[in-house]
Amino acid sequence: MPKKIEKEPVDWLKYENEARGGGFANICGVDEAGRGPLAGPVFAAAVILHPGQIIEGADDSKKLSEKKREELFDKICEQAAAYCIVSVDEAVIDEINILQATYRAMSKAVEGLPITPDICLIDGNRKPPQIEIPCQTIVKGDGLSASIACASILAKVSRDRFMLELDKQYPQYNFAKHKGYGTQLHIDMLRQYGASPVHRKTFLKKIDGIPEYKGDVK
């Protein structure tokens, strides 16, 4: 029987410690949630942890259950040195495109921190040009950096909660089930009811058969 290869445990403070060793004191993790959905805002969060701090259980938000994310959301807000959560709505996304809207959300989250960061660790391979302080981009950083993982959880939970509120306002689309992503159920509802005011019109151009919006369903 072939020997099972075990994954090396993640050194959650590797990038934070490297930054601290480079003379940076306040290290900020940044991540977003909601670039891909057909409806609703994109969210971004910025988190500064205390030196050497790891929030137990924090990981890439996509790897965690909804219940675990909710538990960690409260823990991060209580225990982090600083955090800020920002959203950019669908109208702005349609106006400036999703990449620029994501950049805006990330930069506003960094600007909104009550502690000024010295460096940002950013999930992905692109730095928002609006952020003027030093940045390090980390591909799949939400599964490698403690502060980015915490930011991913804050952004994801905040967006999911917002979509649950939209579900109450527009129940015909079943936002509570798919959170605005392009599932078959969502597309079927779009073809039945049309695009609501909270849909990203530029995201719907490749979907055939969407009529004019038919109004709220009570």
N, C-alpha and C. Protein backbone atom coordinates (compact mmCIF):
# COMPACT_ATOMS: atom_id res chain seq x y z
N MET A 1 0.85 -1.19 0.00
CA MET A 1 0.00 0.00 0.00
C MET A 1 0.89 1.25 0.00
N PRO A 2 0.61 2.19 -0.93
CA PRO A 2 1.46 3.39 -0.98
C PRO A 2 1.31 4.21 0.30
N LYS A 3 2.41 4.82 0.70
CA LYS A 3 2.42 5.61 1.93
C LYS A 3 1.66 6.92 1.72
N LYS A 4 0.79 7.24 2.64
CA LYS A 4 0.01 8.47 2.55
C LYS A 4 0.92 9.68 2.80
N ILE A 5 0.85 10.62 1.87
CA ILE A 5 1.66 11.83 2.00
C ILE A 5 0.86 12.88 2.76
N GLU A 6 1.36 13.28 3.90
CA GLU A 6 0.67 14.28 4.71
C GLU A 6 1.14 15.68 4.33
N LYS A 7 0.19 16.59 4.27
CA LYS A 7 0.51 17.97 3.95
C LYS A 7 1.25 18.63 5.10
N GLU A 8 2.20 19.47 4.74
CA GLU A 8 2.89 20.24 5.76
C GLU A 8 1.90 21.21 6.41
N PRO A 9 1.94 21.36 7.73
CA PRO A 9 1.03 22.33 8.36
C PRO A 9 1.35 23.75 7.91
N VAL A 10 0.33 24.56 7.81
CA VAL A 10 0.51 25.95 7.35
C VAL A 10 1.17 26.76 8.46
N ASP A 11 2.21 27.49 8.09
CA ASP A 11 2.81 28.46 9.00
C ASP A 11 2.03 29.76 8.83
N TRP A 12 0.99 29.93 9.63
CA TRP A 12 0.06 31.03 9.44
C TRP A 12 0.68 32.40 9.65
N LEU A 13 1.83 32.44 10.31
CA LEU A 13 2.47 33.74 10.58
C LEU A 13 3.71 33.96 9.72
N LYS A 14 3.93 33.13 8.72
CA LYS A 14 5.13 33.25 7.89
C LYS A 14 5.24 34.66 7.29
N TYR A 15 4.19 35.09 6.61
CA TYR A 15 4.26 36.38 5.91
C TYR A 15 4.22 37.55 6.89
N GLU A 16 3.47 37.40 7.96
CA GLU A 16 3.44 38.45 8.98
C GLU A 16 4.82 38.59 9.64
N ASN A 17 5.45 37.46 9.94
CA ASN A 17 6.77 37.51 10.58
C ASN A 17 7.84 38.06 9.64
N GLU A 18 7.73 37.69 8.36
CA GLU A 18 8.68 38.25 7.38
C GLU A 18 8.53 39.76 7.29
N ALA A 19 7.28 40.23 7.29
CA ALA A 19 7.05 41.68 7.22
C ALA A 19 7.56 42.36 8.48
N ARG A 20 7.31 41.74 9.63
CA ARG A 20 7.77 42.32 10.89
C ARG A 20 9.31 42.36 10.93
N GLY A 21 9.92 41.30 10.39
CA GLY A 21 11.37 41.28 10.33
C GLY A 21 11.94 42.34 9.40
N GLY A 22 11.11 42.78 8.45
CA GLY A 22 11.52 43.84 7.53
C GLY A 22 11.26 45.23 8.08
N GLY A 23 10.82 45.31 9.32
CA GLY A 23 10.64 46.61 9.95
C GLY A 23 9.23 47.15 9.94
N PHE A 24 8.26 46.35 9.47
CA PHE A 24 6.87 46.78 9.45
C PHE A 24 6.17 46.36 10.73
N ALA A 25 5.51 47.29 11.39
CA ALA A 25 4.87 46.99 12.67
C ALA A 25 3.41 46.60 12.52
N ASN A 26 2.62 47.44 11.89
CA ASN A 26 1.18 47.18 11.73
C ASN A 26 0.94 46.53 10.38
N ILE A 27 0.66 45.23 10.41
CA ILE A 27 0.55 44.43 9.19
C ILE A 27 -0.91 44.10 8.95
N CYS A 28 -1.37 44.45 7.77
CA CYS A 28 -2.80 44.37 7.46
C CYS A 28 -3.05 43.29 6.41
N GLY A 29 -3.99 42.39 6.67
CA GLY A 29 -4.43 41.42 5.68
C GLY A 29 -5.67 41.94 4.98
N VAL A 30 -5.75 41.73 3.66
CA VAL A 30 -6.86 42.26 2.86
C VAL A 30 -7.40 41.16 1.95
N ASP A 31 -8.72 41.03 1.90
CA ASP A 31 -9.35 40.08 0.98
C ASP A 31 -10.73 40.58 0.61
N GLU A 32 -11.29 39.97 -0.43
CA GLU A 32 -12.62 40.37 -0.92
C GLU A 32 -13.55 39.17 -1.00
N ALA A 33 -14.83 39.46 -1.15
CA ALA A 33 -15.83 38.41 -1.39
C ALA A 33 -16.88 38.95 -2.34
N GLY A 34 -17.23 38.15 -3.33
CA GLY A 34 -18.33 38.52 -4.21
C GLY A 34 -17.94 39.12 -5.54
N ARG A 35 -16.79 38.73 -6.08
CA ARG A 35 -16.44 39.23 -7.42
C ARG A 35 -17.28 38.56 -8.50
N GLY A 36 -17.64 37.29 -8.29
CA GLY A 36 -18.27 36.53 -9.36
C GLY A 36 -19.78 36.57 -9.48
N PRO A 37 -20.54 36.89 -8.41
CA PRO A 37 -22.00 36.80 -8.48
C PRO A 37 -22.64 37.72 -9.52
N LEU A 38 -23.88 37.40 -9.85
CA LEU A 38 -24.65 38.19 -10.81
C LEU A 38 -25.41 39.33 -10.14
N ALA A 39 -25.41 39.35 -8.80
CA ALA A 39 -26.20 40.37 -8.08
C ALA A 39 -25.49 40.77 -6.80
N GLY A 40 -25.84 41.97 -6.35
CA GLY A 40 -25.35 42.45 -5.06
C GLY A 40 -23.96 43.05 -5.12
N PRO A 41 -23.51 43.58 -3.98
CA PRO A 41 -22.21 44.25 -3.91
C PRO A 41 -21.04 43.29 -3.86
N VAL A 42 -19.85 43.85 -4.05
CA VAL A 42 -18.61 43.17 -3.70
C VAL A 42 -18.18 43.74 -2.35
N PHE A 43 -17.70 42.87 -1.48
CA PHE A 43 -17.25 43.27 -0.14
C PHE A 43 -15.74 43.07 -0.03
N ALA A 44 -15.10 43.90 0.79
CA ALA A 44 -13.69 43.71 1.12
C ALA A 44 -13.50 43.99 2.60
N ALA A 45 -12.51 43.33 3.17
CA ALA A 45 -12.19 43.54 4.58
C ALA A 45 -10.69 43.67 4.74
N ALA A 46 -10.30 44.46 5.72
CA ALA A 46 -8.90 44.61 6.10
C ALA A 46 -8.80 44.31 7.59
N VAL A 47 -7.79 43.55 7.98
CA VAL A 47 -7.64 43.12 9.37
C VAL A 47 -6.18 43.27 9.80
N ILE A 48 -5.98 43.89 10.96
CA ILE A 48 -4.67 43.93 11.60
C ILE A 48 -4.76 43.08 12.87
N LEU A 49 -3.92 42.06 12.96
CA LEU A 49 -3.85 41.23 14.15
C LEU A 49 -2.74 41.74 15.07
N HIS A 50 -2.83 41.38 16.32
CA HIS A 50 -1.76 41.70 17.26
C HIS A 50 -0.51 40.89 16.89
N PRO A 51 0.69 41.37 17.23
CA PRO A 51 1.91 40.62 16.91
C PRO A 51 1.85 39.18 17.44
N GLY A 52 2.09 38.23 16.55
CA GLY A 52 2.10 36.82 16.93
C GLY A 52 0.73 36.20 17.10
N GLN A 53 -0.33 36.96 16.80
CA GLN A 53 -1.69 36.46 17.05
C GLN A 53 -2.20 35.56 15.92
N ILE A 54 -2.80 34.46 16.30
CA ILE A 54 -3.54 33.61 15.38
C ILE A 54 -4.93 33.41 15.97
N ILE A 55 -5.97 33.66 15.18
CA ILE A 55 -7.34 33.37 15.61
C ILE A 55 -7.58 31.88 15.33
N GLU A 56 -7.70 31.09 16.37
CA GLU A 56 -7.81 29.64 16.21
C GLU A 56 -9.00 29.26 15.32
N GLY A 57 -8.74 28.46 14.32
CA GLY A 57 -9.78 28.00 13.41
C GLY A 57 -9.91 28.83 12.15
N ALA A 58 -9.31 30.02 12.12
CA ALA A 58 -9.41 30.86 10.94
C ALA A 58 -8.68 30.23 9.77
N ASP A 59 -9.31 30.28 8.60
CA ASP A 59 -8.77 29.67 7.39
C ASP A 59 -9.45 30.35 6.21
N ASP A 60 -9.05 29.97 5.02
CA ASP A 60 -9.76 30.40 3.81
C ASP A 60 -11.25 30.21 4.04
N SER A 61 -12.04 31.28 3.90
CA SER A 61 -13.46 31.20 4.23
C SER A 61 -14.20 30.15 3.41
N LYS A 62 -13.70 29.86 2.19
CA LYS A 62 -14.36 28.87 1.34
C LYS A 62 -14.23 27.46 1.89
N LYS A 63 -13.27 27.24 2.79
CA LYS A 63 -13.04 25.91 3.35
C LYS A 63 -13.85 25.68 4.63
N LEU A 64 -14.53 26.71 5.11
CA LEU A 64 -15.23 26.64 6.39
C LEU A 64 -16.74 26.55 6.19
N SER A 65 -17.41 25.92 7.13
CA SER A 65 -18.87 25.87 7.09
C SER A 65 -19.44 27.25 7.44
N GLU A 66 -20.68 27.47 7.06
CA GLU A 66 -21.32 28.74 7.39
C GLU A 66 -21.34 28.97 8.90
N LYS A 67 -21.65 27.94 9.66
CA LYS A 67 -21.68 28.06 11.12
C LYS A 67 -20.31 28.45 11.67
N LYS A 68 -19.26 27.82 11.16
CA LYS A 68 -17.91 28.12 11.63
C LYS A 68 -17.51 29.54 11.26
N ARG A 69 -17.86 29.97 10.05
CA ARG A 69 -17.55 31.35 9.64
C ARG A 69 -18.23 32.35 10.55
N GLU A 70 -19.48 32.08 10.89
CA GLU A 70 -20.22 33.00 11.77
C GLU A 70 -19.56 33.08 13.15
N GLU A 71 -19.15 31.95 13.67
CA GLU A 71 -18.47 31.93 14.98
C GLU A 71 -17.17 32.73 14.92
N LEU A 72 -16.42 32.51 13.85
CA LEU A 72 -15.13 33.18 13.73
C LEU A 72 -15.29 34.67 13.47
N PHE A 73 -16.34 35.05 12.78
CA PHE A 73 -16.59 36.48 12.53
C PHE A 73 -16.61 37.26 13.84
N ASP A 74 -17.40 36.78 14.79
CA ASP A 74 -17.49 37.47 16.08
C ASP A 74 -16.17 37.45 16.82
N LYS A 75 -15.47 36.33 16.75
CA LYS A 75 -14.19 36.21 17.45
C LYS A 75 -13.15 37.17 16.87
N ILE A 76 -13.12 37.26 15.54
CA ILE A 76 -12.16 38.17 14.89
C ILE A 76 -12.46 39.62 15.26
N CYS A 77 -13.74 39.99 15.21
CA CYS A 77 -14.12 41.37 15.54
C CYS A 77 -13.76 41.72 16.98
N GLU A 78 -13.87 40.75 17.87
CA GLU A 78 -13.57 40.98 19.29
C GLU A 78 -12.06 41.01 19.57
N GLN A 79 -11.30 40.17 18.87
CA GLN A 79 -9.92 39.95 19.25
C GLN A 79 -8.88 40.64 18.38
N ALA A 80 -9.21 41.00 17.16
CA ALA A 80 -8.23 41.64 16.27
C ALA A 80 -7.85 43.02 16.80
N ALA A 81 -6.66 43.46 16.44
CA ALA A 81 -6.24 44.82 16.82
C ALA A 81 -7.08 45.86 16.12
N ALA A 82 -7.46 45.59 14.86
CA ALA A 82 -8.28 46.53 14.09
C ALA A 82 -8.87 45.80 12.89
N TYR A 83 -10.03 46.27 12.44
CA TYR A 83 -10.62 45.73 11.21
C TYR A 83 -11.55 46.76 10.59
N CYS A 84 -11.78 46.60 9.29
CA CYS A 84 -12.74 47.45 8.58
C CYS A 84 -13.33 46.64 7.44
N ILE A 85 -14.64 46.78 7.23
CA ILE A 85 -15.36 46.07 6.18
C ILE A 85 -16.07 47.09 5.30
N VAL A 86 -15.92 46.97 3.99
CA VAL A 86 -16.47 47.94 3.04
C VAL A 86 -17.15 47.19 1.90
N SER A 87 -18.22 47.77 1.36
CA SER A 87 -18.86 47.20 0.18
C SER A 87 -18.97 48.26 -0.92
N VAL A 88 -18.99 47.78 -2.16
CA VAL A 88 -19.23 48.63 -3.32
C VAL A 88 -20.38 48.00 -4.08
N ASP A 89 -21.43 48.77 -4.33
CA ASP A 89 -22.67 48.17 -4.82
C ASP A 89 -22.67 47.90 -6.32
N GLU A 90 -23.74 47.23 -6.74
CA GLU A 90 -23.86 46.77 -8.12
C GLU A 90 -23.88 47.91 -9.14
N ALA A 91 -24.40 49.08 -8.76
CA ALA A 91 -24.44 50.21 -9.69
C ALA A 91 -23.02 50.67 -10.02
N VAL A 92 -22.18 50.72 -9.00
CA VAL A 92 -20.78 51.11 -9.22
C VAL A 92 -20.04 50.03 -9.99
N ILE A 93 -20.33 48.77 -9.68
CA ILE A 93 -19.72 47.65 -10.42
C ILE A 93 -20.02 47.78 -11.91
N ASP A 94 -21.29 48.08 -12.24
CA ASP A 94 -21.67 48.24 -13.65
C ASP A 94 -20.99 49.46 -14.27
N GLU A 95 -20.75 50.47 -13.47
CA GLU A 95 -20.18 51.72 -13.99
C GLU A 95 -18.68 51.61 -14.25
N ILE A 96 -17.94 51.00 -13.32
CA ILE A 96 -16.47 51.02 -13.43
C ILE A 96 -15.85 49.65 -13.65
N ASN A 97 -16.62 48.60 -13.65
CA ASN A 97 -16.27 47.18 -13.82
C ASN A 97 -15.87 46.55 -12.48
N ILE A 98 -15.96 45.24 -12.43
CA ILE A 98 -15.80 44.53 -11.16
C ILE A 98 -14.37 44.62 -10.62
N LEU A 99 -13.37 44.62 -11.50
CA LEU A 99 -11.99 44.71 -11.00
C LEU A 99 -11.77 46.05 -10.30
N GLN A 100 -12.18 47.14 -10.95
CA GLN A 100 -12.00 48.46 -10.35
C GLN A 100 -12.85 48.62 -9.08
N ALA A 101 -14.03 48.03 -9.07
CA ALA A 101 -14.88 48.08 -7.88
C ALA A 101 -14.24 47.32 -6.72
N THR A 102 -13.60 46.19 -7.04
CA THR A 102 -12.90 45.42 -6.02
C THR A 102 -11.72 46.20 -5.46
N TYR A 103 -10.95 46.81 -6.36
CA TYR A 103 -9.86 47.68 -5.92
C TYR A 103 -10.37 48.77 -4.98
N ARG A 104 -11.50 49.38 -5.36
CA ARG A 104 -12.05 50.47 -4.54
C ARG A 104 -12.44 49.96 -3.16
N ALA A 105 -13.11 48.81 -3.11
CA ALA A 105 -13.52 48.25 -1.82
C ALA A 105 -12.31 47.94 -0.95
N MET A 106 -11.29 47.32 -1.54
CA MET A 106 -10.09 46.98 -0.78
C MET A 106 -9.39 48.23 -0.24
N SER A 107 -9.22 49.23 -1.10
CA SER A 107 -8.52 50.43 -0.67
C SER A 107 -9.31 51.18 0.40
N LYS A 108 -10.63 51.22 0.27
CA LYS A 108 -11.45 51.88 1.28
C LYS A 108 -11.41 51.13 2.61
N ALA A 109 -11.32 49.80 2.55
CA ALA A 109 -11.21 49.02 3.78
C ALA A 109 -9.90 49.34 4.50
N VAL A 110 -8.82 49.47 3.74
CA VAL A 110 -7.52 49.81 4.34
C VAL A 110 -7.57 51.23 4.92
N GLU A 111 -8.15 52.15 4.16
CA GLU A 111 -8.25 53.54 4.63
C GLU A 111 -9.11 53.65 5.89
N GLY A 112 -10.09 52.77 6.02
CA GLY A 112 -11.03 52.86 7.14
C GLY A 112 -10.54 52.24 8.43
N LEU A 113 -9.37 51.63 8.43
CA LEU A 113 -8.85 51.03 9.65
C LEU A 113 -8.56 52.09 10.71
N PRO A 114 -8.91 51.83 11.96
CA PRO A 114 -8.61 52.80 13.02
C PRO A 114 -7.13 52.87 13.37
N ILE A 115 -6.36 51.89 12.92
CA ILE A 115 -4.90 51.90 13.06
C ILE A 115 -4.32 51.98 11.65
N THR A 116 -3.39 52.88 11.44
CA THR A 116 -2.78 53.01 10.11
C THR A 116 -1.79 51.87 9.88
N PRO A 117 -2.03 51.05 8.85
CA PRO A 117 -1.10 49.94 8.60
C PRO A 117 0.19 50.42 7.95
N ASP A 118 1.25 49.64 8.13
CA ASP A 118 2.54 49.94 7.51
C ASP A 118 2.73 49.15 6.22
N ILE A 119 2.04 48.01 6.13
CA ILE A 119 2.13 47.17 4.94
C ILE A 119 0.84 46.37 4.82
N CYS A 120 0.43 46.06 3.59
CA CYS A 120 -0.75 45.23 3.34
C CYS A 120 -0.34 43.92 2.70
N LEU A 121 -0.86 42.83 3.24
CA LEU A 121 -0.77 41.52 2.62
C LEU A 121 -2.09 41.29 1.90
N ILE A 122 -2.04 41.15 0.59
CA ILE A 122 -3.26 41.14 -0.22
C ILE A 122 -3.43 39.79 -0.90
N ASP A 123 -4.62 39.21 -0.75
CA ASP A 123 -4.91 37.94 -1.40
C ASP A 123 -4.95 38.14 -2.91
N GLY A 124 -4.27 37.26 -3.65
CA GLY A 124 -4.29 37.34 -5.10
C GLY A 124 -2.96 37.80 -5.66
N ASN A 125 -2.99 38.21 -6.93
CA ASN A 125 -1.74 38.59 -7.61
C ASN A 125 -1.75 40.03 -8.10
N ARG A 126 -2.74 40.83 -7.64
CA ARG A 126 -2.82 42.22 -8.09
C ARG A 126 -2.97 43.16 -6.91
N LYS A 127 -2.24 44.23 -6.94
CA LYS A 127 -2.30 45.25 -5.89
C LYS A 127 -3.23 46.37 -6.34
N PRO A 128 -4.21 46.74 -5.52
CA PRO A 128 -5.05 47.90 -5.86
C PRO A 128 -4.18 49.15 -5.98
N PRO A 129 -4.22 49.83 -7.12
CA PRO A 129 -3.32 50.97 -7.31
C PRO A 129 -3.60 52.12 -6.36
N GLN A 130 -4.81 52.16 -5.77
CA GLN A 130 -5.14 53.24 -4.83
C GLN A 130 -4.41 53.12 -3.50
N ILE A 131 -3.93 51.93 -3.18
CA ILE A 131 -3.23 51.74 -1.90
C ILE A 131 -1.79 52.21 -2.06
N GLU A 132 -1.43 53.23 -1.32
CA GLU A 132 -0.13 53.87 -1.51
C GLU A 132 0.96 53.30 -0.59
N ILE A 133 0.57 52.61 0.47
CA ILE A 133 1.58 52.03 1.36
C ILE A 133 2.11 50.73 0.73
N PRO A 134 3.24 50.23 1.21
CA PRO A 134 3.79 48.98 0.65
C PRO A 134 2.78 47.83 0.70
N CYS A 135 2.79 47.01 -0.31
CA CYS A 135 1.88 45.85 -0.39
C CYS A 135 2.65 44.62 -0.85
N GLN A 136 2.19 43.47 -0.39
CA GLN A 136 2.68 42.19 -0.89
C GLN A 136 1.48 41.37 -1.30
N THR A 137 1.43 40.97 -2.56
CA THR A 137 0.35 40.11 -3.02
C THR A 137 0.74 38.66 -2.79
N ILE A 138 -0.25 37.85 -2.37
CA ILE A 138 0.00 36.44 -2.06
C ILE A 138 -1.10 35.61 -2.70
N VAL A 139 -0.75 34.83 -3.71
CA VAL A 139 -1.73 33.97 -4.37
C VAL A 139 -2.22 32.92 -3.38
N LYS A 140 -3.53 32.78 -3.27
CA LYS A 140 -4.17 31.88 -2.30
C LYS A 140 -3.78 32.25 -0.87
N GLY A 141 -3.59 33.54 -0.66
CA GLY A 141 -3.15 34.03 0.64
C GLY A 141 -4.13 33.77 1.76
N ASP A 142 -5.42 33.60 1.42
CA ASP A 142 -6.41 33.33 2.47
C ASP A 142 -6.21 31.97 3.11
N GLY A 143 -5.41 31.12 2.50
CA GLY A 143 -5.08 29.83 3.10
C GLY A 143 -3.64 29.76 3.58
N LEU A 144 -2.95 30.92 3.58
CA LEU A 144 -1.53 30.94 3.94
C LEU A 144 -1.17 31.97 5.00
N SER A 145 -2.00 33.00 5.14
CA SER A 145 -1.69 34.11 6.04
C SER A 145 -2.81 34.27 7.05
N ALA A 146 -2.46 34.40 8.32
CA ALA A 146 -3.47 34.54 9.38
C ALA A 146 -4.33 35.78 9.18
N SER A 147 -3.70 36.89 8.84
CA SER A 147 -4.46 38.13 8.72
C SER A 147 -5.34 38.14 7.47
N ILE A 148 -4.85 37.56 6.37
CA ILE A 148 -5.69 37.48 5.16
C ILE A 148 -6.85 36.53 5.39
N ALA A 149 -6.61 35.40 6.06
CA ALA A 149 -7.70 34.46 6.36
C ALA A 149 -8.80 35.15 7.16
N CYS A 150 -8.42 35.96 8.13
CA CYS A 150 -9.41 36.68 8.93
C CYS A 150 -10.18 37.68 8.07
N ALA A 151 -9.46 38.36 7.17
CA ALA A 151 -10.13 39.30 6.27
C ALA A 151 -11.11 38.57 5.35
N SER A 152 -10.74 37.39 4.89
CA SER A 152 -11.63 36.64 4.00
C SER A 152 -12.92 36.25 4.71
N ILE A 153 -12.81 35.91 5.98
CA ILE A 153 -14.00 35.54 6.76
C ILE A 153 -14.91 36.75 6.98
N LEU A 154 -14.32 37.88 7.34
CA LEU A 154 -15.14 39.08 7.56
C LEU A 154 -15.85 39.50 6.28
N ALA A 155 -15.16 39.45 5.16
CA ALA A 155 -15.77 39.85 3.89
C ALA A 155 -16.88 38.87 3.48
N LYS A 156 -16.60 37.58 3.59
CA LYS A 156 -17.57 36.56 3.18
C LYS A 156 -18.83 36.60 4.04
N VAL A 157 -18.67 36.64 5.35
CA VAL A 157 -19.84 36.65 6.24
C VAL A 157 -20.65 37.93 6.05
N SER A 158 -19.98 39.05 5.90
CA SER A 158 -20.68 40.32 5.70
C SER A 158 -21.51 40.28 4.42
N ARG A 159 -20.93 39.75 3.37
CA ARG A 159 -21.67 39.68 2.11
C ARG A 159 -22.84 38.70 2.19
N ASP A 160 -22.61 37.55 2.81
CA ASP A 160 -23.70 36.58 2.94
C ASP A 160 -24.86 37.16 3.75
N ARG A 161 -24.55 37.87 4.80
CA ARG A 161 -25.60 38.50 5.60
C ARG A 161 -26.37 39.53 4.78
N PHE A 162 -25.65 40.28 3.96
CA PHE A 162 -26.30 41.27 3.12
C PHE A 162 -27.23 40.60 2.11
N MET A 163 -26.79 39.48 1.55
CA MET A 163 -27.63 38.78 0.57
C MET A 163 -28.86 38.17 1.22
N LEU A 164 -28.78 37.81 2.49
CA LEU A 164 -29.97 37.32 3.20
C LEU A 164 -30.99 38.44 3.36
N GLU A 165 -30.51 39.67 3.54
CA GLU A 165 -31.42 40.81 3.60
C GLU A 165 -32.05 41.07 2.24
N LEU A 166 -31.25 40.94 1.18
CA LEU A 166 -31.81 41.11 -0.17
C LEU A 166 -32.84 40.02 -0.47
N ASP A 167 -32.65 38.84 0.09
CA ASP A 167 -33.61 37.75 -0.10
C ASP A 167 -34.98 38.13 0.44
N LYS A 168 -35.00 38.87 1.54
CA LYS A 168 -36.28 39.32 2.11
C LYS A 168 -36.94 40.36 1.21
N GLN A 169 -36.11 41.17 0.56
CA GLN A 169 -36.63 42.23 -0.30
C GLN A 169 -37.05 41.70 -1.66
N TYR A 170 -36.31 40.70 -2.16
CA TYR A 170 -36.59 40.13 -3.48
C TYR A 170 -36.67 38.61 -3.35
N PRO A 171 -37.71 38.09 -2.69
CA PRO A 171 -37.76 36.64 -2.41
C PRO A 171 -37.85 35.77 -3.65
N GLN A 172 -38.29 36.33 -4.75
CA GLN A 172 -38.47 35.52 -5.96
C GLN A 172 -37.15 34.97 -6.52
N TYR A 173 -36.04 35.56 -6.14
CA TYR A 173 -34.75 35.12 -6.71
C TYR A 173 -34.02 34.09 -5.85
N ASN A 174 -34.50 33.84 -4.64
CA ASN A 174 -33.87 32.85 -3.76
C ASN A 174 -32.41 33.18 -3.44
N PHE A 175 -32.14 34.46 -3.18
CA PHE A 175 -30.77 34.87 -2.85
C PHE A 175 -30.21 34.13 -1.64
N ALA A 176 -31.07 33.74 -0.71
CA ALA A 176 -30.60 33.03 0.49
C ALA A 176 -29.93 31.71 0.13
N LYS A 177 -30.32 31.10 -0.98
CA LYS A 177 -29.77 29.81 -1.38
C LYS A 177 -28.45 29.95 -2.14
N HIS A 178 -28.40 30.88 -3.08
CA HIS A 178 -27.23 30.95 -3.96
C HIS A 178 -26.38 32.20 -3.78
N LYS A 179 -26.83 33.13 -2.93
CA LYS A 179 -26.08 34.35 -2.60
C LYS A 179 -25.73 35.18 -3.84
N GLY A 180 -26.54 35.04 -4.88
CA GLY A 180 -26.33 35.85 -6.07
C GLY A 180 -25.48 35.21 -7.15
N TYR A 181 -24.89 34.05 -6.86
CA TYR A 181 -24.05 33.39 -7.87
C TYR A 181 -24.92 32.82 -9.00
N GLY A 182 -24.28 32.54 -10.12
CA GLY A 182 -25.02 32.16 -11.31
C GLY A 182 -25.41 30.70 -11.37
N THR A 183 -26.12 30.22 -10.37
CA THR A 183 -26.62 28.85 -10.38
C THR A 183 -27.77 28.72 -11.37
N GLN A 184 -28.11 27.49 -11.68
CA GLN A 184 -29.23 27.27 -12.61
C GLN A 184 -30.52 27.82 -12.02
N LEU A 185 -30.72 27.65 -10.72
CA LEU A 185 -31.91 28.19 -10.06
C LEU A 185 -31.97 29.70 -10.24
N HIS A 186 -30.86 30.38 -10.02
CA HIS A 186 -30.83 31.83 -10.15
C HIS A 186 -31.14 32.26 -11.58
N ILE A 187 -30.53 31.59 -12.55
CA ILE A 187 -30.77 31.93 -13.96
C ILE A 187 -32.22 31.68 -14.34
N ASP A 188 -32.79 30.59 -13.84
CA ASP A 188 -34.21 30.30 -14.10
C ASP A 188 -35.10 31.42 -13.55
N MET A 189 -34.77 31.91 -12.35
CA MET A 189 -35.57 32.98 -11.75
C MET A 189 -35.39 34.29 -12.52
N LEU A 190 -34.19 34.54 -13.01
CA LEU A 190 -33.96 35.72 -13.84
C LEU A 190 -34.81 35.67 -15.11
N ARG A 191 -34.89 34.52 -15.71
CA ARG A 191 -35.69 34.38 -16.94
C ARG A 191 -37.18 34.49 -16.66
N GLN A 192 -37.56 34.17 -15.42
CA GLN A 192 -38.97 34.28 -15.07
C GLN A 192 -39.36 35.70 -14.66
N TYR A 193 -38.49 36.36 -13.88
CA TYR A 193 -38.86 37.64 -13.28
C TYR A 193 -38.10 38.84 -13.84
N GLY A 194 -37.07 38.60 -14.64
CA GLY A 194 -36.26 39.71 -15.13
C GLY A 194 -35.20 40.12 -14.12
N ALA A 195 -34.34 41.05 -14.53
CA ALA A 195 -33.25 41.52 -13.67
C ALA A 195 -33.74 42.59 -12.72
N SER A 196 -33.53 42.37 -11.43
CA SER A 196 -33.98 43.32 -10.40
C SER A 196 -33.02 44.51 -10.33
N PRO A 197 -33.35 45.53 -9.55
CA PRO A 197 -32.44 46.67 -9.38
C PRO A 197 -31.10 46.30 -8.74
N VAL A 198 -31.01 45.14 -8.07
CA VAL A 198 -29.74 44.78 -7.43
C VAL A 198 -28.91 43.82 -8.28
N HIS A 199 -29.34 43.53 -9.48
CA HIS A 199 -28.54 42.70 -10.37
C HIS A 199 -27.49 43.53 -11.08
N ARG A 200 -26.36 42.89 -11.38
CA ARG A 200 -25.28 43.54 -12.12
C ARG A 200 -25.58 43.39 -13.61
N LYS A 201 -26.05 44.44 -14.20
CA LYS A 201 -26.52 44.36 -15.59
C LYS A 201 -25.40 43.94 -16.54
N THR A 202 -24.17 44.39 -16.29
CA THR A 202 -23.06 44.02 -17.17
C THR A 202 -22.72 42.54 -17.07
N PHE A 203 -23.14 41.88 -15.99
CA PHE A 203 -22.88 40.46 -15.83
C PHE A 203 -23.93 39.59 -16.54
N LEU A 204 -25.02 40.20 -16.95
CA LEU A 204 -26.14 39.43 -17.51
C LEU A 204 -26.17 39.42 -19.03
N LYS A 205 -25.21 40.11 -19.65
CA LYS A 205 -25.26 40.27 -21.11
C LYS A 205 -25.14 38.95 -21.87
N LYS A 206 -24.48 37.97 -21.26
CA LYS A 206 -24.28 36.70 -21.96
C LYS A 206 -25.37 35.66 -21.64
N ILE A 207 -26.36 36.09 -20.85
CA ILE A 207 -27.44 35.17 -20.51
C ILE A 207 -28.67 35.53 -21.34
N ASP A 208 -29.12 34.60 -22.13
CA ASP A 208 -30.25 34.85 -23.03
C ASP A 208 -31.58 34.75 -22.29
N GLY A 209 -32.56 35.45 -22.80
CA GLY A 209 -33.93 35.26 -22.35
C GLY A 209 -34.31 35.93 -21.06
N ILE A 210 -33.64 37.02 -20.69
CA ILE A 210 -34.00 37.74 -19.47
C ILE A 210 -34.93 38.90 -19.83
N PRO A 211 -36.18 38.87 -19.37
CA PRO A 211 -37.14 39.93 -19.73
C PRO A 211 -36.95 41.17 -18.88
N GLU A 212 -37.78 42.15 -19.10
CA GLU A 212 -37.80 43.33 -18.24
C GLU A 212 -38.22 42.92 -16.83
N TYR A 213 -37.74 43.67 -15.85
CA TYR A 213 -38.07 43.38 -14.47
C TYR A 213 -39.59 43.46 -14.25
N LYS A 214 -40.14 42.48 -13.57
CA LYS A 214 -41.60 42.40 -13.39
C LYS A 214 -42.07 42.92 -12.07
N GLY A 215 -41.17 43.55 -11.30
CA GLY A 215 -41.59 44.14 -10.04
C GLY A 215 -41.45 43.19 -8.86
N ASP A 216 -41.61 43.77 -7.67
CA ASP A 216 -41.46 42.99 -6.45
C ASP A 216 -42.56 41.96 -6.30
N VAL A 217 -42.21 40.82 -5.74
CA VAL A 217 -43.17 39.77 -5.45
C VAL A 217 -43.33 39.69 -3.94
N LYS A 218 -44.50 39.91 -3.45
CA LYS A 218 -44.75 39.89 -2.00
C LYS A 218 -45.31 38.54 -1.57
